[in-house]
Amino acid sequence: MSKVAHLESVELYMTCAIKKEVDFGWIRLAGSLYYQGVEDGIVRRVTRISIPWWCKQKSQSMNRASRQKVIKRKFKI
C-alpha cells in the first residue's frame, strides 16, 4: 500500500495486487456458477475496507510522531 498510496488509482492497484496474489480457486471448486462476480465482490470489499483503514493508521502514526517532535522541542526550550 505504501508504494501506491500517492498514486491516483489506488483502488485499481490494490485490486490487481489482490487478484494476482490470492488464489480464488476455492470459489470455483465450491460449485459457484458466478465465481467471477463473487471474486470481484470479495476484492472490492477488501479494498474498500483496507484502504481507509491504512490511511487512518498512517495518519495516526504521523500525528504521534508530530506530537513527540513538539514535546521534544518544548523540553529543549
PDB file of N, CA and C in Angstrom:
ATOM      1  N   MET A   1       0.824  -1.191   0.000  1.00  0.00           N
ATOM      2  CA  MET A   1       0.000   0.000   0.000  1.00  0.00           C
ATOM      3  C   MET A   1       0.869   1.256   0.000  1.00  0.00           C
ATOM      4  N   SER A   2       1.964   1.222   0.734  1.00  0.00           N
ATOM      5  CA  SER A   2       2.800   2.421   0.805  1.00  0.00           C
ATOM      6  C   SER A   2       3.439   2.756  -0.546  1.00  0.00           C
ATOM      7  N   LYS A   3       3.556   1.766  -1.438  1.00  0.00           N
ATOM      8  CA  LYS A   3       4.139   2.021  -2.755  1.00  0.00           C
ATOM      9  C   LYS A   3       3.178   2.728  -3.701  1.00  0.00           C
ATOM     10  N   VAL A   4       1.871   2.599  -3.485  1.00  0.00           N
ATOM     11  CA  VAL A   4       0.892   3.176  -4.410  1.00  0.00           C
ATOM     12  C   VAL A   4      -0.016   4.215  -3.760  1.00  0.00           C
ATOM     13  N   ALA A   5       0.189   4.523  -2.505  1.00  0.00           N
ATOM     14  CA  ALA A   5      -0.712   5.437  -1.789  1.00  0.00           C
ATOM     15  C   ALA A   5      -0.727   6.836  -2.402  1.00  0.00           C
ATOM     16  N   HIS A   6       0.355   7.242  -2.998  1.00  0.00           N
ATOM     17  CA  HIS A   6       0.434   8.585  -3.577  1.00  0.00           C
ATOM     18  C   HIS A   6      -0.111   8.654  -5.002  1.00  0.00           C
ATOM     19  N   LEU A   7      -0.436   7.523  -5.587  1.00  0.00           N
ATOM     20  CA  LEU A   7      -0.920   7.493  -6.965  1.00  0.00           C
ATOM     21  C   LEU A   7      -2.427   7.739  -7.031  1.00  0.00           C
ATOM     22  N   GLU A   8      -2.916   7.980  -8.230  1.00  0.00           N
ATOM     23  CA  GLU A   8      -4.313   8.363  -8.415  1.00  0.00           C
ATOM     24  C   GLU A   8      -5.297   7.201  -8.262  1.00  0.00           C
ATOM     25  N   SER A   9      -4.994   6.052  -8.803  1.00  0.00           N
ATOM     26  CA  SER A   9      -5.934   4.927  -8.799  1.00  0.00           C
ATOM     27  C   SER A   9      -5.507   3.852  -7.802  1.00  0.00           C
ATOM     28  N   VAL A  10      -5.516   4.189  -6.549  1.00  0.00           N
ATOM     29  CA  VAL A  10      -5.066   3.270  -5.506  1.00  0.00           C
ATOM     30  C   VAL A  10      -5.923   2.003  -5.495  1.00  0.00           C
ATOM     31  N   GLU A  11      -7.229   2.163  -5.625  1.00  0.00           N
ATOM     32  CA  GLU A  11      -8.117   1.001  -5.589  1.00  0.00           C
ATOM     33  C   GLU A  11      -7.823   0.044  -6.749  1.00  0.00           C
ATOM     34  N   LEU A  12      -7.519   0.577  -7.906  1.00  0.00           N
ATOM     35  CA  LEU A  12      -7.192  -0.259  -9.054  1.00  0.00           C
ATOM     36  C   LEU A  12      -5.903  -1.048  -8.814  1.00  0.00           C
ATOM     37  N   TYR A  13      -4.889  -0.385  -8.293  1.00  0.00           N
ATOM     38  CA  TYR A  13      -3.633  -1.064  -7.991  1.00  0.00           C
ATOM     39  C   TYR A  13      -3.825  -2.155  -6.942  1.00  0.00           C
ATOM     40  N   MET A  14      -4.600  -1.852  -5.915  1.00  0.00           N
ATOM     41  CA  MET A  14      -4.851  -2.835  -4.865  1.00  0.00           C
ATOM     42  C   MET A  14      -5.647  -4.022  -5.410  1.00  0.00           C
ATOM     43  N   THR A  15      -6.623  -3.747  -6.260  1.00  0.00           N
ATOM     44  CA  THR A  15      -7.431  -4.812  -6.861  1.00  0.00           C
ATOM     45  C   THR A  15      -6.548  -5.750  -7.682  1.00  0.00           C
ATOM     46  N   CYS A  16      -5.691  -5.182  -8.500  1.00  0.00           N
ATOM     47  CA  CYS A  16      -4.785  -6.004  -9.318  1.00  0.00           C
ATOM     48  C   CYS A  16      -3.849  -6.828  -8.451  1.00  0.00           C
ATOM     49  N   ALA A  17      -3.317  -6.224  -7.391  1.00  0.00           N
ATOM     50  CA  ALA A  17      -2.400  -6.943  -6.499  1.00  0.00           C
ATOM     51  C   ALA A  17      -3.105  -8.091  -5.787  1.00  0.00           C
ATOM     52  N   ILE A  18      -4.319  -7.862  -5.332  1.00  0.00           N
ATOM     53  CA  ILE A  18      -5.063  -8.917  -4.636  1.00  0.00           C
ATOM     54  C   ILE A  18      -5.384 -10.061  -5.579  1.00  0.00           C
ATOM     55  N   LYS A  19      -5.861  -9.734  -6.769  1.00  0.00           N
ATOM     56  CA  LYS A  19      -6.207 -10.780  -7.735  1.00  0.00           C
ATOM     57  C   LYS A  19      -4.976 -11.568  -8.176  1.00  0.00           C
ATOM     58  N   LYS A  20      -3.828 -10.919  -8.193  1.00  0.00           N
ATOM     59  CA  LYS A  20      -2.589 -11.585  -8.588  1.00  0.00           C
ATOM     60  C   LYS A  20      -2.078 -12.524  -7.492  1.00  0.00           C
ATOM     61  N   GLU A  21      -2.200 -12.106  -6.240  1.00  0.00           N
ATOM     62  CA  GLU A  21      -1.593 -12.836  -5.136  1.00  0.00           C
ATOM     63  C   GLU A  21      -2.506 -13.860  -4.468  1.00  0.00           C
ATOM     64  N   VAL A  22      -3.810 -13.649  -4.521  1.00  0.00           N
ATOM     65  CA  VAL A  22      -4.745 -14.521  -3.803  1.00  0.00           C
ATOM     66  C   VAL A  22      -5.314 -15.565  -4.753  1.00  0.00           C
ATOM     67  N   ASP A  23      -5.332 -16.796  -4.303  1.00  0.00           N
ATOM     68  CA  ASP A  23      -5.889 -17.889  -5.095  1.00  0.00           C
ATOM     69  C   ASP A  23      -7.384 -18.009  -4.786  1.00  0.00           C
ATOM     70  N   PHE A  24      -8.200 -17.690  -5.755  1.00  0.00           N
ATOM     71  CA  PHE A  24      -9.647 -17.771  -5.584  1.00  0.00           C
ATOM     72  C   PHE A  24     -10.214 -19.067  -6.165  1.00  0.00           C
ATOM     73  N   GLY A  25      -9.360 -20.054  -6.348  1.00  0.00           N
ATOM     74  CA  GLY A  25      -9.794 -21.326  -6.898  1.00  0.00           C
ATOM     75  C   GLY A  25     -10.839 -22.027  -6.055  1.00  0.00           C
ATOM     76  N   TRP A  26     -10.849 -21.761  -4.763  1.00  0.00           N
ATOM     77  CA  TRP A  26     -11.816 -22.395  -3.864  1.00  0.00           C
ATOM     78  C   TRP A  26     -13.246 -21.991  -4.205  1.00  0.00           C
ATOM     79  N   ILE A  27     -13.410 -20.812  -4.808  1.00  0.00           N
ATOM     80  CA  ILE A  27     -14.760 -20.385  -5.191  1.00  0.00           C
ATOM     81  C   ILE A  27     -15.274 -21.267  -6.336  1.00  0.00           C
ATOM     82  N   ARG A  28     -14.408 -21.518  -7.311  1.00  0.00           N
ATOM     83  CA  ARG A  28     -14.793 -22.383  -8.432  1.00  0.00           C
ATOM     84  C   ARG A  28     -15.045 -23.808  -7.958  1.00  0.00           C
ATOM     85  N   LEU A  29     -14.203 -24.278  -7.034  1.00  0.00           N
ATOM     86  CA  LEU A  29     -14.347 -25.640  -6.521  1.00  0.00           C
ATOM     87  C   LEU A  29     -15.620 -25.811  -5.696  1.00  0.00           C
ATOM     88  N   ALA A  30     -16.114 -24.726  -5.126  1.00  0.00           N
ATOM     89  CA  ALA A  30     -17.332 -24.790  -4.324  1.00  0.00           C
ATOM     90  C   ALA A  30     -18.570 -24.934  -5.203  1.00  0.00           C
ATOM     91  N   GLY A  31     -18.394 -24.819  -6.498  1.00  0.00           N
ATOM     92  CA  GLY A  31     -19.505 -25.021  -7.417  1.00  0.00           C
ATOM     93  C   GLY A  31     -20.302 -23.772  -7.727  1.00  0.00           C
ATOM     94  N   SER A  32     -19.733 -22.619  -7.445  1.00  0.00           N
ATOM     95  CA  SER A  32     -20.438 -21.376  -7.731  1.00  0.00           C
ATOM     96  C   SER A  32     -20.413 -21.089  -9.233  1.00  0.00           C
ATOM     97  N   LEU A  33     -21.579 -20.868  -9.811  1.00  0.00           N
ATOM     98  CA  LEU A  33     -21.661 -20.548 -11.228  1.00  0.00           C
ATOM     99  C   LEU A  33     -21.219 -19.114 -11.508  1.00  0.00           C
ATOM    100  N   TYR A  34     -21.302 -18.291 -10.513  1.00  0.00           N
ATOM    101  CA  TYR A  34     -21.000 -16.876 -10.665  1.00  0.00           C
ATOM    102  C   TYR A  34     -19.701 -16.532  -9.948  1.00  0.00           C
ATOM    103  N   TYR A  35     -18.688 -17.390 -10.094  1.00  0.00           N
ATOM    104  CA  TYR A  35     -17.457 -17.219  -9.330  1.00  0.00           C
ATOM    105  C   TYR A  35     -16.771 -15.897  -9.625  1.00  0.00           C
ATOM    106  N   GLN A  36     -16.845 -15.395 -10.850  1.00  0.00           N
ATOM    107  CA  GLN A  36     -16.197 -14.123 -11.170  1.00  0.00           C
ATOM    108  C   GLN A  36     -16.853 -12.977 -10.412  1.00  0.00           C
ATOM    109  N   GLY A  37     -18.169 -12.981 -10.323  1.00  0.00           N
ATOM    110  CA  GLY A  37     -18.873 -11.954  -9.558  1.00  0.00           C
ATOM    111  C   GLY A  37     -18.575 -12.041  -8.077  1.00  0.00           C
ATOM    112  N   VAL A  38     -18.484 -13.258  -7.572  1.00  0.00           N
ATOM    113  CA  VAL A  38     -18.163 -13.452  -6.155  1.00  0.00           C
ATOM    114  C   VAL A  38     -16.742 -12.974  -5.884  1.00  0.00           C
ATOM    115  N   GLU A  39     -15.819 -13.343  -6.760  1.00  0.00           N
ATOM    116  CA  GLU A  39     -14.423 -12.916  -6.616  1.00  0.00           C
ATOM    117  C   GLU A  39     -14.316 -11.393  -6.642  1.00  0.00           C
ATOM    118  N   ASP A  40     -14.965 -10.769  -7.608  1.00  0.00           N
ATOM    119  CA  ASP A  40     -14.935  -9.305  -7.712  1.00  0.00           C
ATOM    120  C   ASP A  40     -15.539  -8.641  -6.482  1.00  0.00           C
ATOM    121  N   GLY A  41     -16.609  -9.216  -5.960  1.00  0.00           N
ATOM    122  CA  GLY A  41     -17.241  -8.671  -4.761  1.00  0.00           C
ATOM    123  C   GLY A  41     -16.332  -8.754  -3.551  1.00  0.00           C
ATOM    124  N   ILE A  42     -15.647  -9.875  -3.399  1.00  0.00           N
ATOM    125  CA  ILE A  42     -14.716 -10.026  -2.276  1.00  0.00           C
ATOM    126  C   ILE A  42     -13.583  -9.013  -2.380  1.00  0.00           C
ATOM    127  N   VAL A  43     -13.003  -8.914  -3.561  1.00  0.00           N
ATOM    128  CA  VAL A  43     -11.884  -7.985  -3.768  1.00  0.00           C
ATOM    129  C   VAL A  43     -12.330  -6.545  -3.540  1.00  0.00           C
ATOM    130  N   ARG A  44     -13.488  -6.178  -4.046  1.00  0.00           N
ATOM    131  CA  ARG A  44     -13.997  -4.814  -3.879  1.00  0.00           C
ATOM    132  C   ARG A  44     -14.189  -4.480  -2.400  1.00  0.00           C
ATOM    133  N   ARG A  45     -14.757  -5.411  -1.657  1.00  0.00           N
ATOM    134  CA  ARG A  45     -14.996  -5.153  -0.237  1.00  0.00           C
ATOM    135  C   ARG A  45     -13.692  -5.066   0.553  1.00  0.00           C
ATOM    136  N   VAL A  46     -12.745  -5.917   0.205  1.00  0.00           N
ATOM    137  CA  VAL A  46     -11.450  -5.873   0.888  1.00  0.00           C
ATOM    138  C   VAL A  46     -10.758  -4.539   0.636  1.00  0.00           C
ATOM    139  N   THR A  47     -10.769  -4.070  -0.597  1.00  0.00           N
ATOM    140  CA  THR A  47     -10.110  -2.800  -0.892  1.00  0.00           C
ATOM    141  C   THR A  47     -10.838  -1.629  -0.231  1.00  0.00           C
ATOM    142  N   ARG A  48     -12.145  -1.672  -0.204  1.00  0.00           N
ATOM    143  CA  ARG A  48     -12.900  -0.555   0.389  1.00  0.00           C
ATOM    144  C   ARG A  48     -12.805  -0.516   1.901  1.00  0.00           C
ATOM    145  N   ILE A  49     -12.421  -1.621   2.497  1.00  0.00           N
ATOM    146  CA  ILE A  49     -12.187  -1.640   3.943  1.00  0.00           C
ATOM    147  C   ILE A  49     -10.725  -1.327   4.244  1.00  0.00           C
ATOM    148  N   SER A  50      -9.813  -1.935   3.497  1.00  0.00           N
ATOM    149  CA  SER A  50      -8.396  -1.826   3.837  1.00  0.00           C
ATOM    150  C   SER A  50      -7.772  -0.481   3.482  1.00  0.00           C
ATOM    151  N   ILE A  51      -8.209   0.169   2.423  1.00  0.00           N
ATOM    152  CA  ILE A  51      -7.607   1.453   2.041  1.00  0.00           C
ATOM    153  C   ILE A  51      -7.890   2.532   3.092  1.00  0.00           C
ATOM    154  N   PRO A  52      -9.148   2.749   3.492  1.00  0.00           N
ATOM    155  CA  PRO A  52      -9.378   3.750   4.551  1.00  0.00           C
ATOM    156  C   PRO A  52      -8.704   3.363   5.871  1.00  0.00           C
ATOM    157  N   TRP A  53      -8.660   2.067   6.185  1.00  0.00           N
ATOM    158  CA  TRP A  53      -8.008   1.618   7.418  1.00  0.00           C
ATOM    159  C   TRP A  53      -6.525   1.967   7.384  1.00  0.00           C
ATOM    160  N   TRP A  54      -5.866   1.704   6.245  1.00  0.00           N
ATOM    161  CA  TRP A  54      -4.443   2.008   6.118  1.00  0.00           C
ATOM    162  C   TRP A  54      -4.197   3.510   6.258  1.00  0.00           C
ATOM    163  N   CYS A  55      -5.037   4.301   5.615  1.00  0.00           N
ATOM    164  CA  CYS A  55      -4.894   5.769   5.694  1.00  0.00           C
ATOM    165  C   CYS A  55      -5.046   6.255   7.124  1.00  0.00           C
ATOM    166  N   LYS A  56      -6.017   5.700   7.850  1.00  0.00           N
ATOM    167  CA  LYS A  56      -6.236   6.089   9.232  1.00  0.00           C
ATOM    168  C   LYS A  56      -5.028   5.718  10.097  1.00  0.00           C
ATOM    169  N   GLN A  57      -4.493   4.519   9.901  1.00  0.00           N
ATOM    170  CA  GLN A  57      -3.325   4.091  10.666  1.00  0.00           C
ATOM    171  C   GLN A  57      -2.114   4.973  10.370  1.00  0.00           C
ATOM    172  N   LYS A  58      -1.912   5.291   9.118  1.00  0.00           N
ATOM    173  CA  LYS A  58      -0.785   6.138   8.714  1.00  0.00           C
ATOM    174  C   LYS A  58      -0.930   7.537   9.312  1.00  0.00           C
ATOM    175  N   SER A  59      -2.131   8.078   9.283  1.00  0.00           N
ATOM    176  CA  SER A  59      -2.387   9.400   9.851  1.00  0.00           C
ATOM    177  C   SER A  59      -2.127   9.416  11.358  1.00  0.00           C
ATOM    178  N   GLN A  60      -2.581   8.388  12.040  1.00  0.00           N
ATOM    179  CA  GLN A  60      -2.359   8.305  13.480  1.00  0.00           C
ATOM    180  C   GLN A  60      -0.880   8.216  13.820  1.00  0.00           C
ATOM    181  N   SER A  61      -0.127   7.445  13.058  1.00  0.00           N
ATOM    182  CA  SER A  61       1.307   7.321  13.333  1.00  0.00           C
ATOM    183  C   SER A  61       2.033   8.643  13.053  1.00  0.00           C
ATOM    184  N   MET A  62       1.590   9.363  12.021  1.00  0.00           N
ATOM    185  CA  MET A  62       2.201  10.657  11.723  1.00  0.00           C
ATOM    186  C   MET A  62       1.862  11.669  12.811  1.00  0.00           C
ATOM    187  N   ASN A  63       0.631  11.611  13.328  1.00  0.00           N
ATOM    188  CA  ASN A  63       0.244  12.513  14.412  1.00  0.00           C
ATOM    189  C   ASN A  63       1.064  12.243  15.669  1.00  0.00           C
ATOM    190  N   ARG A  64       1.292  10.956  15.972  1.00  0.00           N
ATOM    191  CA  ARG A  64       2.100  10.600  17.146  1.00  0.00           C
ATOM    192  C   ARG A  64       3.517  11.139  16.988  1.00  0.00           C
ATOM    193  N   ALA A  65       4.088  10.954  15.819  1.00  0.00           N
ATOM    194  CA  ALA A  65       5.452  11.426  15.567  1.00  0.00           C
ATOM    195  C   ALA A  65       5.519  12.953  15.673  1.00  0.00           C
ATOM    196  N   SER A  66       4.515  13.628  15.176  1.00  0.00           N
ATOM    197  CA  SER A  66       4.474  15.084  15.237  1.00  0.00           C
ATOM    198  C   SER A  66       4.366  15.569  16.687  1.00  0.00           C
ATOM    199  N   ARG A  67       3.503  14.910  17.455  1.00  0.00           N
ATOM    200  CA  ARG A  67       3.365  15.292  18.870  1.00  0.00           C
ATOM    201  C   ARG A  67       4.665  15.068  19.636  1.00  0.00           C
ATOM    202  N   GLN A  68       5.332  13.972  19.359  1.00  0.00           N
ATOM    203  CA  GLN A  68       6.597  13.694  20.036  1.00  0.00           C
ATOM    204  C   GLN A  68       7.647  14.736  19.672  1.00  0.00           C
ATOM    205  N   LYS A  69       7.642  15.176  18.435  1.00  0.00           N
ATOM    206  CA  LYS A  69       8.580  16.210  17.983  1.00  0.00           C
ATOM    207  C   LYS A  69       8.315  17.528  18.710  1.00  0.00           C
ATOM    208  N   VAL A  70       7.050  17.880  18.866  1.00  0.00           N
ATOM    209  CA  VAL A  70       6.684  19.119  19.562  1.00  0.00           C
ATOM    210  C   VAL A  70       7.098  19.038  21.025  1.00  0.00           C
ATOM    211  N   ILE A  71       6.845  17.917  21.663  1.00  0.00           N
ATOM    212  CA  ILE A  71       7.213  17.747  23.068  1.00  0.00           C
ATOM    213  C   ILE A  71       8.723  17.834  23.237  1.00  0.00           C
ATOM    214  N   LYS A  72       9.458  17.235  22.355  1.00  0.00           N
ATOM    215  CA  LYS A  72      10.919  17.260  22.409  1.00  0.00           C
ATOM    216  C   LYS A  72      11.425  18.695  22.259  1.00  0.00           C
ATOM    217  N   ARG A  73      10.816  19.458  21.348  1.00  0.00           N
ATOM    218  CA  ARG A  73      11.205  20.845  21.141  1.00  0.00           C
ATOM    219  C   ARG A  73      10.889  21.694  22.374  1.00  0.00           C
ATOM    220  N   LYS A  74       9.746  21.430  23.031  1.00  0.00           N
ATOM    221  CA  LYS A  74       9.387  22.176  24.245  1.00  0.00           C
ATOM    222  C   LYS A  74      10.358  21.894  25.370  1.00  0.00           C
ATOM    223  N   PHE A  75      10.814  20.660  25.487  1.00  0.00           N
ATOM    224  CA  PHE A  75      11.781  20.324  26.518  1.00  0.00           C
ATOM    225  C   PHE A  75      13.114  21.013  26.301  1.00  0.00           C
ATOM    226  N   LYS A  76      13.478  21.244  25.042  1.00  0.00           N
ATOM    227  CA  LYS A  76      14.726  21.948  24.753  1.00  0.00           C
ATOM    228  C   LYS A  76      14.654  23.395  25.226  1.00  0.00           C
ATOM    229  N   ILE A  77      13.465  23.968  25.095  1.00  0.00           N
ATOM    230  CA  ILE A  77      13.278  25.367  25.479  1.00  0.00           C
ATOM    231  C   ILE A  77      13.309  25.451  26.977  1.00  0.00           C
TER     232      ILE A  77
END
